Amino acid sequence: MTPTALGDTLAQVVRAVPGVAFLTPGIAGRLRSARHDPRASGPPRGALEARIVTLAGYRACDVTRATRTAILAHLQADDAAACNDAAVMVTITGIV
């Protein structure tokens, strides 16, 4: 899966999390490959940053945890080796 396709898929995953109003534009551009590059030495080091806006009435920490869990679950289901060292950072940029 290409980084753009993975970014689009993860955007759908994040939007499905209860309490997420929408993603801050540009999640696909913030995706650095979570796949291992066989040419690189050492363990794979992928990272994903998701910036979200939450709905009022939801606890920000709960939405953040649920978003991170959803992203990691999708990465594990997609390719278990890809997420061994993946860093998932979720930032709430606003509440509506």
Foldseek 3Di string as FASTA:
>chain_A
DDLQVLQVVLQVLLCPQAFFPHWDPDQSVQWDFLADDPVDPDAGETEGETETEGEPPDDPVVSQVSSQVSSLVVVCVVPVSSNPNYHYHYHYPYYD
